[in-house]
N, C-alpha and C. Protein backbone atom coordinates (compact mmCIF):
# COMPACT_ATOMS: atom_id res chain seq x y z
N UNK A 1 90.87 58.68 118.62
CA UNK A 1 90.44 59.97 119.09
C UNK A 1 91.54 60.65 119.88
N UNK A 2 92.30 59.89 120.65
CA UNK A 2 93.39 60.48 121.43
C UNK A 2 94.38 61.20 120.53
N UNK A 3 94.75 60.55 119.42
CA UNK A 3 95.72 61.15 118.51
C UNK A 3 95.16 62.44 117.93
N UNK A 4 93.89 62.48 117.60
CA UNK A 4 93.28 63.67 117.03
C UNK A 4 93.27 64.82 118.03
N UNK A 5 92.89 64.53 119.27
CA UNK A 5 92.89 65.58 120.29
C UNK A 5 94.30 66.06 120.59
N UNK A 6 95.23 65.11 120.67
CA UNK A 6 96.62 65.46 120.94
C UNK A 6 97.17 66.34 119.81
N UNK A 7 96.90 65.96 118.58
CA UNK A 7 97.36 66.73 117.43
C UNK A 7 96.71 68.11 117.42
N UNK A 8 95.42 68.17 117.72
CA UNK A 8 94.72 69.45 117.74
C UNK A 8 95.32 70.38 118.79
N UNK A 9 95.65 69.85 119.95
CA UNK A 9 96.27 70.67 121.00
C UNK A 9 97.65 71.15 120.58
N UNK A 10 98.41 70.30 119.93
CA UNK A 10 99.76 70.70 119.48
C UNK A 10 99.67 71.80 118.44
N UNK A 11 98.75 71.69 117.49
CA UNK A 11 98.57 72.70 116.47
C UNK A 11 98.12 74.01 117.11
N UNK A 12 97.16 73.94 118.02
CA UNK A 12 96.67 75.13 118.71
C UNK A 12 97.79 75.78 119.51
N UNK A 13 98.57 74.99 120.23
CA UNK A 13 99.69 75.53 121.00
C UNK A 13 100.69 76.21 120.09
N UNK A 14 100.98 75.61 118.93
CA UNK A 14 101.93 76.19 117.99
C UNK A 14 101.41 77.52 117.45
N UNK A 15 100.12 77.57 117.13
CA UNK A 15 99.52 78.81 116.63
C UNK A 15 99.59 79.91 117.69
N UNK A 16 99.30 79.56 118.94
CA UNK A 16 99.36 80.55 120.01
C UNK A 16 100.79 81.03 120.21
N UNK A 17 101.76 80.13 120.15
CA UNK A 17 103.16 80.51 120.30
C UNK A 17 103.58 81.41 119.15
N UNK A 18 103.17 81.06 117.93
CA UNK A 18 103.50 81.87 116.77
C UNK A 18 102.88 83.26 116.90
N UNK A 19 101.64 83.31 117.36
CA UNK A 19 100.96 84.60 117.53
C UNK A 19 101.68 85.44 118.58
N UNK A 20 102.04 84.83 119.70
CA UNK A 20 102.76 85.56 120.74
C UNK A 20 104.14 86.00 120.25
N UNK A 21 104.82 85.13 119.52
CA UNK A 21 106.13 85.48 118.98
C UNK A 21 106.00 86.61 117.98
N UNK A 22 104.96 86.56 117.16
CA UNK A 22 104.73 87.63 116.19
C UNK A 22 104.43 88.95 116.87
N UNK A 23 103.64 88.90 117.91
CA UNK A 23 103.31 90.12 118.66
C UNK A 23 104.56 90.67 119.34
N UNK A 24 105.36 89.79 119.90
CA UNK A 24 106.59 90.22 120.56
C UNK A 24 107.56 90.81 119.54
N UNK A 25 107.66 90.18 118.38
CA UNK A 25 108.53 90.70 117.33
C UNK A 25 108.08 92.07 116.86
N UNK A 26 106.77 92.24 116.71
CA UNK A 26 106.22 93.54 116.29
C UNK A 26 106.50 94.60 117.36
N UNK A 27 106.33 94.25 118.63
CA UNK A 27 106.61 95.17 119.71
C UNK A 27 108.08 95.56 119.72
N UNK A 28 108.96 94.59 119.55
CA UNK A 28 110.40 94.88 119.54
C UNK A 28 110.76 95.78 118.37
N UNK A 29 110.16 95.55 117.21
CA UNK A 29 110.41 96.39 116.04
C UNK A 29 109.96 97.82 116.32
N UNK A 30 108.79 97.98 116.94
CA UNK A 30 108.30 99.31 117.28
C UNK A 30 109.22 100.01 118.27
N UNK A 31 109.73 99.28 119.23
CA UNK A 31 110.65 99.87 120.21
C UNK A 31 111.96 100.30 119.56
N UNK A 32 112.47 99.48 118.63
CA UNK A 32 113.69 99.86 117.92
C UNK A 32 113.46 101.11 117.07
N UNK A 33 112.32 101.18 116.40
CA UNK A 33 112.01 102.34 115.59
C UNK A 33 111.86 103.59 116.45
N UNK A 34 111.22 103.45 117.60
CA UNK A 34 111.06 104.59 118.51
C UNK A 34 112.41 105.07 119.02
N UNK A 35 113.29 104.14 119.36
CA UNK A 35 114.63 104.52 119.83
C UNK A 35 115.41 105.22 118.72
N UNK A 36 115.31 104.73 117.50
CA UNK A 36 116.01 105.35 116.37
C UNK A 36 115.46 106.75 116.12
N UNK A 37 114.15 106.90 116.18
CA UNK A 37 113.53 108.21 115.98
C UNK A 37 113.96 109.19 117.07
N UNK A 38 113.97 108.72 118.30
CA UNK A 38 114.41 109.58 119.41
C UNK A 38 115.84 110.03 119.19
N UNK A 39 116.71 109.13 118.77
CA UNK A 39 118.11 109.45 118.51
C UNK A 39 118.23 110.46 117.37
N UNK A 40 117.49 110.25 116.29
CA UNK A 40 117.55 111.16 115.15
C UNK A 40 117.10 112.57 115.53
N UNK A 41 116.02 112.65 116.28
CA UNK A 41 115.52 113.97 116.68
C UNK A 41 116.48 114.65 117.64
N UNK A 42 117.08 113.90 118.53
CA UNK A 42 118.07 114.47 119.45
C UNK A 42 119.28 114.97 118.67
N UNK A 43 119.74 114.19 117.71
CA UNK A 43 120.88 114.58 116.89
C UNK A 43 120.56 115.84 116.09
N UNK A 44 119.36 115.92 115.55
CA UNK A 44 118.93 117.09 114.80
C UNK A 44 118.99 118.34 115.67
N UNK A 45 118.54 118.23 116.90
CA UNK A 45 118.55 119.37 117.82
C UNK A 45 119.97 119.82 118.16
N UNK A 46 120.93 118.91 118.06
CA UNK A 46 122.32 119.22 118.41
C UNK A 46 123.13 119.80 117.25
N UNK A 47 122.58 119.79 116.04
CA UNK A 47 123.33 120.31 114.89
C UNK A 47 123.58 121.80 115.03
N UNK A 48 124.73 122.25 114.50
CA UNK A 48 125.01 123.69 114.55
C UNK A 48 124.24 124.40 113.43
N UNK A 49 124.20 125.73 113.52
CA UNK A 49 123.42 126.53 112.58
C UNK A 49 123.89 126.36 111.13
N UNK A 50 125.18 126.23 110.92
CA UNK A 50 125.70 126.07 109.56
C UNK A 50 125.23 124.75 108.95
N UNK A 51 125.26 123.70 109.72
CA UNK A 51 124.80 122.40 109.23
C UNK A 51 123.30 122.43 108.96
N UNK A 52 122.55 123.04 109.86
CA UNK A 52 121.11 123.17 109.64
C UNK A 52 120.82 123.95 108.36
N UNK A 53 121.58 125.02 108.13
CA UNK A 53 121.41 125.81 106.90
C UNK A 53 121.71 124.95 105.67
N UNK A 54 122.70 124.09 105.78
CA UNK A 54 123.04 123.20 104.65
C UNK A 54 121.89 122.26 104.28
N UNK A 55 121.11 121.84 105.27
CA UNK A 55 120.00 120.93 104.98
C UNK A 55 118.67 121.69 104.86
N UNK A 56 118.74 123.01 104.90
CA UNK A 56 117.56 123.84 104.65
C UNK A 56 116.62 124.00 105.82
N UNK A 57 117.14 123.90 107.04
CA UNK A 57 116.31 124.07 108.22
C UNK A 57 116.80 125.23 109.07
N UNK A 58 115.88 125.86 109.77
CA UNK A 58 116.27 126.87 110.75
C UNK A 58 116.41 126.20 112.11
N UNK A 59 117.00 126.90 113.03
CA UNK A 59 117.13 126.37 114.40
C UNK A 59 115.74 126.10 114.98
N UNK A 60 114.81 127.02 114.76
CA UNK A 60 113.45 126.83 115.29
C UNK A 60 112.77 125.59 114.70
N UNK A 61 112.95 125.36 113.41
CA UNK A 61 112.36 124.17 112.79
C UNK A 61 112.97 122.89 113.37
N UNK A 62 114.27 122.89 113.56
CA UNK A 62 114.95 121.71 114.12
C UNK A 62 114.48 121.44 115.54
N UNK A 63 114.36 122.48 116.33
CA UNK A 63 113.91 122.30 117.72
C UNK A 63 112.45 121.87 117.77
N UNK A 64 111.64 122.39 116.86
CA UNK A 64 110.23 121.97 116.82
C UNK A 64 110.12 120.49 116.46
N UNK A 65 110.93 120.04 115.50
CA UNK A 65 110.93 118.62 115.13
C UNK A 65 111.42 117.76 116.30
N UNK A 66 112.45 118.21 116.96
CA UNK A 66 113.02 117.44 118.08
C UNK A 66 112.04 117.35 119.26
N UNK A 67 111.16 118.33 119.39
CA UNK A 67 110.22 118.36 120.51
C UNK A 67 108.97 117.50 120.27
N UNK A 68 108.79 117.00 119.06
CA UNK A 68 107.62 116.19 118.77
C UNK A 68 107.65 114.89 119.57
N UNK A 69 106.48 114.42 120.02
CA UNK A 69 106.44 113.15 120.77
C UNK A 69 106.75 111.97 119.85
N UNK A 70 107.14 110.86 120.43
CA UNK A 70 107.53 109.67 119.66
C UNK A 70 106.41 109.16 118.76
N UNK A 71 105.17 109.29 119.19
CA UNK A 71 104.07 108.75 118.39
C UNK A 71 103.67 109.69 117.26
N UNK A 72 104.25 110.88 117.21
CA UNK A 72 103.96 111.85 116.16
C UNK A 72 104.95 111.64 115.01
N UNK A 73 104.58 110.76 114.10
CA UNK A 73 105.44 110.43 112.95
C UNK A 73 104.64 110.63 111.67
N UNK A 74 105.30 110.77 110.54
CA UNK A 74 104.58 110.90 109.28
C UNK A 74 103.68 109.69 109.02
N UNK A 75 102.56 109.93 108.37
CA UNK A 75 101.60 108.86 108.09
C UNK A 75 102.22 107.74 107.28
N UNK A 76 103.21 108.06 106.44
CA UNK A 76 103.84 107.02 105.62
C UNK A 76 104.64 106.04 106.45
N UNK A 77 104.98 106.39 107.70
CA UNK A 77 105.72 105.49 108.57
C UNK A 77 104.81 104.49 109.24
N UNK A 78 103.54 104.80 109.33
CA UNK A 78 102.59 103.92 110.03
C UNK A 78 102.14 102.82 109.10
N UNK A 79 101.80 101.70 109.67
CA UNK A 79 101.31 100.56 108.87
C UNK A 79 99.84 100.47 108.92
């Protein structure tokens, strides 16, 4: 019985560690994506008018995109 309880605790501990590691990994991935999005939007706001025209955006459209909050992303980005 001791071996069974000991084994059960080890398996449970491993599952909890894996779950916590998975949650931490998911959180870190979300933080990296948020930082990348913030950088992209900031860069978009800094583009000159000629570059914006090349990609088919107006200054107002670029500034509106840059002003969006981090959680406001296209639905295709969400899981």
